[in-house]
Amino acid sequence: MSRAFARFLLALSLSGFVCGSAAQQAGNNESPCLASKIVSVPNRPTVASATDTTQCGTLEAEYGTERQWLGGGAHRGDLTGGLRLGLTPNLDLHWASGDYLSFDGMPGSESGFGDTWLGLKYRYLTQTRARPSLGIFYTAKIPTASAAYGLGSGRFDHSLALLVSKDIHPFHFDFNVIPQLVGRPAAAGYDHNVGLALANWLPLTRRFSLVAEPYGYTALNAGTPAFSSLMLGGTYQLNPRVVLDTGVDAGMTHGAPQKRVYVGATCALANVYAPFRSRGRSSPSPAR
């Protein structure tokens, strides 16, 4: 068993322990984790993640599809999504996978299942009028995509992002610094680079918001140069539990994907801590 996989299992075990502890505390103290009204907290469509975590106790689904023009006549399409669970008011668990990937225009075309990601996001400081909120977001890529068919590297990757969020009326800003360790496909060890992303949100109505995000990464290795891109999109809130998103992404420097279009949705499914609330309400009254 690789050390990376061992660390992943340890993180998953700790997540389960935290989840169970949070639920028990919620049942004992009637905390906000037992709220009957749930709302969606989207992580799409930006590269930058907000410090906001999934509502405590809420299981949230997030899926989207995109099409990328990579240059040289090559195209990439995917259907990617997963689930998030609010473990505590400031900690959530992320699972996502590339359910379907396709590459066209490279010497041949390939399609199949993509890689899987697991992560934990923790907000350790909330914002005030004078300071932003701060958080960290650890993500591990589990190599479930076929390396033989060119759908993945076959290696584990890791990232640990610093998250900064701030509301400056009428805008909301999310800034991330994202160091990455990327497993080398044909050799031992890791290459590393750093991503920078700044998402700028402007609510136009109660339901509709515009978002613009410049982002980029430093060079990973000799074959993967540094690049920067610009994403322009928007989100529409159908109701408190469902948010839709769409937009376009254009490369600004050499080495960036030429264009990407996407559409997706986020839905708050249920409060999985709700049975603790129901149990408390149905407890019989003591005999007099």
Protein backbone atom coordinates (compact mmCIF):
# COMPACT_ATOMS: atom_id res chain seq x y z
CA MET A 1 0.00 0.00 0.00
CA SER A 2 1.43 3.39 -1.00
CA ARG A 3 1.96 6.07 1.60
CA ALA A 4 -0.37 8.37 -0.35
CA PHE A 5 -3.15 5.79 -0.25
CA ALA A 6 -2.53 5.21 3.45
CA ARG A 7 -2.85 8.94 4.11
CA PHE A 8 -6.10 8.96 2.15
CA LEU A 9 -7.53 6.11 4.24
CA LEU A 10 -6.50 7.89 7.43
CA ALA A 11 -8.18 11.11 6.29
CA LEU A 12 -11.35 9.22 5.38
CA SER A 13 -11.43 7.47 8.77
CA LEU A 14 -10.99 10.77 10.60
CA SER A 15 -13.78 12.26 8.48
CA GLY A 16 -16.13 9.46 9.52
CA PHE A 17 -15.25 10.00 13.18
CA VAL A 18 -15.87 13.76 12.89
CA CYS A 19 -19.15 13.15 11.08
CA GLY A 20 -20.42 10.80 13.79
CA SER A 21 -19.29 13.11 16.59
CA ALA A 22 -20.96 16.11 14.98
CA ALA A 23 -24.23 14.25 14.56
CA GLN A 24 -24.21 13.10 18.18
CA GLN A 25 -23.48 16.61 19.41
CA ALA A 26 -26.22 17.95 17.19
CA GLY A 27 -28.67 15.48 18.67
CA ASN A 28 -27.69 16.40 22.22
CA ASN A 29 -27.56 20.18 21.89
CA GLU A 30 -30.12 20.94 19.16
CA SER A 31 -27.43 22.75 17.16
CA PRO A 32 -27.93 24.38 13.74
CA CYS A 33 -26.89 21.01 12.24
CA LEU A 34 -30.51 19.93 12.83
CA ALA A 35 -32.11 22.77 10.86
CA SER A 36 -35.22 21.65 8.99
CA LYS A 37 -34.66 24.23 6.22
CA ILE A 38 -31.69 23.39 4.01
CA VAL A 39 -30.03 25.52 1.32
CA SER A 40 -27.54 24.90 -1.45
CA VAL A 41 -23.97 26.24 -1.09
CA PRO A 42 -22.53 25.80 -4.63
CA ASN A 43 -18.86 25.13 -5.25
CA ARG A 44 -19.35 25.60 -8.99
CA PRO A 45 -18.51 27.03 -11.46
CA THR A 46 -15.23 28.64 -10.41
CA VAL A 47 -11.72 27.27 -9.93
CA ALA A 48 -11.53 29.22 -6.66
CA SER A 49 -13.41 27.72 -3.73
CA ALA A 50 -15.20 29.96 -1.25
CA THR A 51 -14.54 29.54 2.45
CA ASP A 52 -18.27 28.78 2.85
CA THR A 53 -18.82 25.10 3.60
CA THR A 54 -21.82 22.91 2.88
CA GLN A 55 -24.59 23.54 5.43
CA CYS A 56 -24.03 21.34 8.47
CA GLY A 57 -25.78 17.99 8.10
CA THR A 58 -26.73 18.64 4.47
CA LEU A 59 -25.95 16.18 1.68
CA GLU A 60 -25.44 18.13 -1.54
CA ALA A 61 -25.09 16.90 -5.14
CA GLU A 62 -23.19 18.83 -7.79
CA TYR A 63 -22.90 17.85 -11.46
CA GLY A 64 -21.88 19.51 -14.69
CA THR A 65 -20.78 18.88 -18.24
CA GLU A 66 -18.25 20.78 -20.32
CA ARG A 67 -16.55 20.88 -23.68
CA GLN A 68 -12.95 22.06 -24.12
CA TRP A 69 -11.10 23.06 -27.27
CA LEU A 70 -7.50 22.15 -26.46
CA GLY A 71 -5.84 23.39 -29.64
CA GLY A 72 -4.49 21.55 -32.64
CA GLY A 73 -7.93 20.16 -33.43
CA ALA A 74 -8.19 18.30 -30.12
CA HIS A 75 -11.35 18.33 -28.00
CA ARG A 76 -12.19 17.14 -24.52
CA GLY A 77 -15.64 16.53 -23.06
CA ASP A 78 -16.71 15.32 -19.65
CA LEU A 79 -19.54 14.74 -17.24
CA THR A 80 -18.21 15.33 -13.73
CA GLY A 81 -19.88 15.56 -10.36
CA GLY A 82 -20.19 14.22 -6.89
CA LEU A 83 -21.48 14.73 -3.37
CA ARG A 84 -20.61 16.95 -0.43
CA LEU A 85 -21.57 16.53 3.21
CA GLY A 86 -21.53 19.27 5.85
CA LEU A 87 -19.85 17.50 8.79
CA THR A 88 -19.88 20.53 11.12
CA PRO A 89 -20.72 24.22 10.59
CA ASN A 90 -17.12 24.80 9.41
CA LEU A 91 -16.04 21.47 7.91
CA ASP A 92 -17.30 19.51 4.93
CA LEU A 93 -16.37 16.36 3.04
CA HIS A 94 -16.09 16.32 -0.77
CA TRP A 95 -16.29 13.39 -3.20
CA ALA A 96 -16.24 13.86 -6.97
CA SER A 97 -15.47 11.79 -10.04
CA GLY A 98 -15.18 12.11 -13.79
CA ASP A 99 -18.14 9.90 -14.63
CA TYR A 100 -17.43 10.16 -18.35
CA LEU A 101 -14.43 11.54 -20.24
CA SER A 102 -13.85 11.72 -23.99
CA PHE A 103 -10.89 12.93 -26.05
CA ASP A 104 -11.12 13.59 -29.78
CA GLY A 105 -8.52 14.74 -32.28
CA MET A 106 -5.45 13.30 -30.60
CA PRO A 107 -4.05 10.39 -32.51
CA GLY A 108 -7.35 8.57 -32.11
CA SER A 109 -10.26 9.04 -29.74
CA GLU A 110 -10.76 7.61 -26.29
CA SER A 111 -13.55 7.67 -23.71
CA GLY A 112 -14.23 6.16 -20.31
CA PHE A 113 -14.42 6.73 -16.57
CA GLY A 114 -12.27 9.52 -15.12
CA ASP A 115 -10.35 10.03 -11.88
CA THR A 116 -11.90 10.39 -8.42
CA TRP A 117 -11.27 13.18 -5.89
CA LEU A 118 -11.74 13.23 -2.14
CA GLY A 119 -11.31 16.34 -0.04
CA LEU A 120 -11.92 18.16 3.23
CA LYS A 121 -12.58 21.89 3.47
CA TYR A 122 -12.27 23.72 6.78
CA ARG A 123 -13.12 27.37 7.51
CA TYR A 124 -11.04 28.45 10.50
CA LEU A 125 -11.82 32.19 10.54
CA THR A 126 -15.07 33.97 9.71
CA GLN A 127 -15.14 37.37 8.09
CA THR A 128 -15.82 40.67 9.83
CA ARG A 129 -16.10 44.18 8.42
CA ALA A 130 -12.33 44.55 8.66
CA ARG A 131 -11.05 41.08 7.71
CA PRO A 132 -11.84 38.28 5.25
CA SER A 133 -12.76 34.72 6.13
CA LEU A 134 -10.00 32.11 5.82
CA GLY A 135 -10.00 28.39 5.16
CA ILE A 136 -8.00 25.46 3.84
CA PHE A 137 -9.02 22.78 1.35
CA TYR A 138 -7.13 19.50 1.01
CA THR A 139 -7.87 17.33 -2.03
CA ALA A 140 -6.46 13.96 -3.09
CA LYS A 141 -6.90 12.52 -6.56
CA ILE A 142 -7.49 8.76 -6.62
CA PRO A 143 -6.27 7.37 -9.99
CA THR A 144 -9.39 5.58 -11.24
CA ALA A 145 -9.03 6.73 -14.87
CA SER A 146 -7.27 4.45 -17.34
CA ALA A 147 -3.64 5.45 -17.85
CA ALA A 148 -3.31 2.91 -20.67
CA TYR A 149 -5.93 4.77 -22.72
CA GLY A 150 -4.60 8.22 -21.84
CA LEU A 151 -7.55 9.18 -19.64
CA GLY A 152 -5.40 9.73 -16.54
CA SER A 153 -1.87 9.55 -15.18
CA GLY A 154 -2.40 6.48 -13.01
CA ARG A 155 -0.81 8.32 -10.08
CA PHE A 156 -2.08 10.03 -6.91
CA ASP A 157 -2.13 13.84 -6.84
CA HIS A 158 -2.50 16.18 -3.86
CA SER A 159 -3.37 19.83 -3.33
CA LEU A 160 -3.72 22.00 -0.23
CA ALA A 161 -5.35 25.34 -1.02
CA LEU A 162 -5.45 28.50 1.07
CA LEU A 163 -8.91 30.08 0.78
CA VAL A 164 -9.74 33.75 1.29
CA SER A 165 -13.27 35.19 0.92
CA LYS A 166 -14.62 38.70 1.45
CA ASP A 167 -17.83 40.61 0.81
CA ILE A 168 -17.30 44.19 -0.35
CA HIS A 169 -20.76 45.44 -1.30
CA PRO A 170 -22.05 44.69 -3.86
CA PHE A 171 -19.26 42.24 -4.79
CA HIS A 172 -18.11 38.96 -3.29
CA PHE A 173 -14.48 37.83 -3.79
CA ASP A 174 -12.88 34.39 -3.46
CA PHE A 175 -9.09 34.17 -3.74
CA ASN A 176 -7.19 30.87 -3.66
CA VAL A 177 -3.52 29.91 -3.60
CA ILE A 178 -3.36 26.24 -4.66
CA PRO A 179 -0.04 24.35 -4.31
CA GLN A 180 -0.18 20.96 -6.06
CA LEU A 181 1.83 17.75 -6.02
CA VAL A 182 1.21 15.85 -9.26
CA GLY A 183 2.39 12.25 -9.57
CA ARG A 184 4.79 11.61 -12.46
CA PRO A 185 3.29 9.06 -14.86
CA ALA A 186 6.56 7.39 -15.86
CA ALA A 187 8.77 7.94 -12.81
CA ALA A 188 8.73 8.00 -9.04
CA GLY A 189 7.99 11.20 -7.15
CA TYR A 190 5.97 14.30 -7.85
CA ASP A 191 6.09 17.44 -9.95
CA HIS A 192 4.71 20.55 -8.30
CA ASN A 193 3.18 23.86 -9.27
CA VAL A 194 0.97 26.56 -7.77
CA GLY A 195 -2.42 27.78 -8.94
CA LEU A 196 -3.85 31.26 -8.36
CA ALA A 197 -7.54 32.08 -8.83
CA LEU A 198 -9.65 35.17 -8.05
CA ALA A 199 -13.41 34.79 -8.48
CA ASN A 200 -15.48 38.00 -8.56
CA TRP A 201 -19.23 37.69 -7.96
CA LEU A 202 -21.80 40.39 -8.72
CA PRO A 203 -25.46 39.69 -7.76
CA LEU A 204 -27.73 41.41 -10.30
CA THR A 205 -31.01 40.21 -8.81
CA ARG A 206 -32.04 38.07 -5.85
CA ARG A 207 -31.61 34.95 -8.01
CA PHE A 208 -29.11 35.81 -10.76
CA SER A 209 -25.38 36.54 -10.33
CA LEU A 210 -22.52 37.18 -12.73
CA VAL A 211 -19.05 35.80 -12.09
CA ALA A 212 -15.66 36.61 -13.64
CA GLU A 213 -12.51 34.72 -12.71
CA PRO A 214 -8.94 35.12 -13.91
CA TYR A 215 -6.88 32.08 -12.92
CA GLY A 216 -3.69 30.29 -13.85
CA TYR A 217 -0.96 27.85 -12.84
CA THR A 218 2.81 28.01 -12.77
CA ALA A 219 4.79 25.53 -14.89
CA LEU A 220 4.44 21.91 -13.77
CA ASN A 221 7.32 20.48 -15.79
CA ALA A 222 9.03 20.86 -19.17
CA GLY A 223 5.97 19.50 -20.96
CA THR A 224 3.37 21.54 -19.05
CA PRO A 225 4.14 25.28 -19.14
CA ALA A 226 2.57 28.01 -17.05
CA PHE A 227 -0.72 29.44 -18.33
CA SER A 228 -3.55 31.78 -17.45
CA SER A 229 -7.23 31.82 -18.44
CA LEU A 230 -10.33 33.93 -17.91
CA MET A 231 -13.75 32.51 -17.04
CA LEU A 232 -17.01 34.44 -17.49
CA GLY A 233 -20.29 32.94 -16.34
CA GLY A 234 -23.39 33.21 -14.25
CA THR A 235 -25.57 31.39 -11.74
CA TYR A 236 -29.35 31.27 -11.31
CA GLN A 237 -31.06 30.16 -8.11
CA LEU A 238 -34.24 28.25 -8.94
CA ASN A 239 -35.03 27.95 -5.22
CA PRO A 240 -32.98 27.81 -2.01
CA ARG A 241 -32.02 24.19 -2.71
CA VAL A 242 -31.19 24.33 -6.46
CA VAL A 243 -28.67 26.56 -8.26
CA LEU A 244 -27.88 26.40 -12.01
CA ASP A 245 -24.68 27.67 -13.63
CA THR A 246 -23.24 28.22 -17.12
CA GLY A 247 -20.41 30.09 -18.76
CA VAL A 248 -17.37 30.15 -21.02
CA ASP A 249 -13.63 29.98 -20.34
CA ALA A 250 -10.95 31.37 -22.70
CA GLY A 251 -7.19 30.87 -22.61
CA MET A 252 -5.21 34.10 -22.25
CA THR A 253 -1.66 32.74 -22.74
CA HIS A 254 0.15 30.09 -24.74
CA GLY A 255 -0.41 26.62 -23.33
CA ALA A 256 -3.91 27.35 -21.98
CA PRO A 257 -6.96 25.53 -23.37
CA GLN A 258 -8.34 27.73 -26.13
CA LYS A 259 -11.97 27.65 -25.02
CA ARG A 260 -14.25 25.83 -22.58
CA VAL A 261 -18.04 25.98 -22.28
CA TYR A 262 -19.90 24.44 -19.36
CA VAL A 263 -23.28 24.02 -17.72
CA GLY A 264 -24.14 22.49 -14.35
CA ALA A 265 -26.33 22.41 -11.27
CA THR A 266 -26.05 22.09 -7.49
CA CYS A 267 -28.83 20.62 -5.33
CA ALA A 268 -29.15 20.30 -1.55
CA LEU A 269 -30.70 16.83 -1.19
CA ALA A 270 -31.44 16.29 2.49
CA ASN A 271 -30.28 16.79 6.07
CA VAL A 272 -28.74 13.46 7.02
CA TYR A 273 -28.71 14.45 10.71
CA ALA A 274 -32.53 14.80 10.63
CA PRO A 275 -33.14 11.39 12.32
CA PHE A 276 -31.47 12.78 15.46
CA ARG A 277 -33.96 15.66 15.46
CA SER A 278 -36.92 13.32 14.98
CA ARG A 279 -35.67 10.99 17.71
CA GLY A 280 -35.48 13.86 20.16
CA ARG A 281 -39.00 15.03 19.36
CA SER A 282 -40.49 11.54 19.65
CA SER A 283 -38.95 10.76 23.03
CA PRO A 284 -41.71 9.91 25.53
CA SER A 285 -42.37 12.29 28.38
CA PRO A 286 -41.36 11.08 31.84
CA ALA A 287 -44.17 9.57 33.92
CA ARG A 288 -45.65 11.77 36.65
